[in-house]
Amino acid sequence: MSNGQIERIILGSEELFMQQGIKSVTMDDIAKHLGMSKKTIYQFFSDKNELVKALVKTKLQDDHNQLCMMINSAANVIEEMINMMKGSEEIFSRINPIVIHDLQKYHPQAWADFQRFKADVLVKTLEELLSKGINEGVIRPDIDVRILAKMRVNQVEMGFNTAIFPVSQFNPWAVQYQMLEHFNYGICTIKGHELLDKYKEEHHVQIT
């Protein structure tokens, strides 16, 4: 029962954070949203910071699992890229950029976990993907995979920077899509471009 309650609290807090940001949501708000007492929440989480840390850990594990599934289900590197574009649409379209800002400013431990995940999982996975693509002849052999992998992973974070892309002027998913497409076409060979066009048409990848 405890595990079920923990999962329910994490999912409920995520819903509120995505709607309103982290800073503006209180433990009282979470309790009211879930229809449970605040005392029950405190049985599992000592404060909001502990809850945020648990939420980030859960989401990072989910992202890792999703990343592995996308890679394992693809026939080649280009299809992996298209799968990542398709899968990213749902995630990016519902993320509130304020969450990224609040996480960085008010929850440094959770933010540090996110940064480690970027370095240890995302960058490494992308380096491996690019190296495999070079061997397949779809990624340009003259690129530095370490530089491009770091650039791409940090580019995602930049896309959520509201000082650069104010939400009143830019759709977060549109920003992420444009960055990813620019990256994909920039690193591909002519053969890679042809496969990108083919898979995009087949998978109906587009900005929504």
Foldseek 3Di string as FASTA:
>chain_A
DVVVVLVLLLVLLVVVCLVPNLPVDALVNSCVSSVHDSVSVCVPAVGSLRSLLVNLVVVLVVVLVQLVVLVVVDPALLSSLVSCLVVVLVVQQRGQLNNLVCCVPPRVVSVVVVVCSLVVPQLVVQLVSLVRCVVVQFFDPPDDSNVLSVVLSVLLNVLSPCVVVPVVHDRSSVSNSVSSVVSQVVGTDPVNVVVNVVSCVVVVRDHD
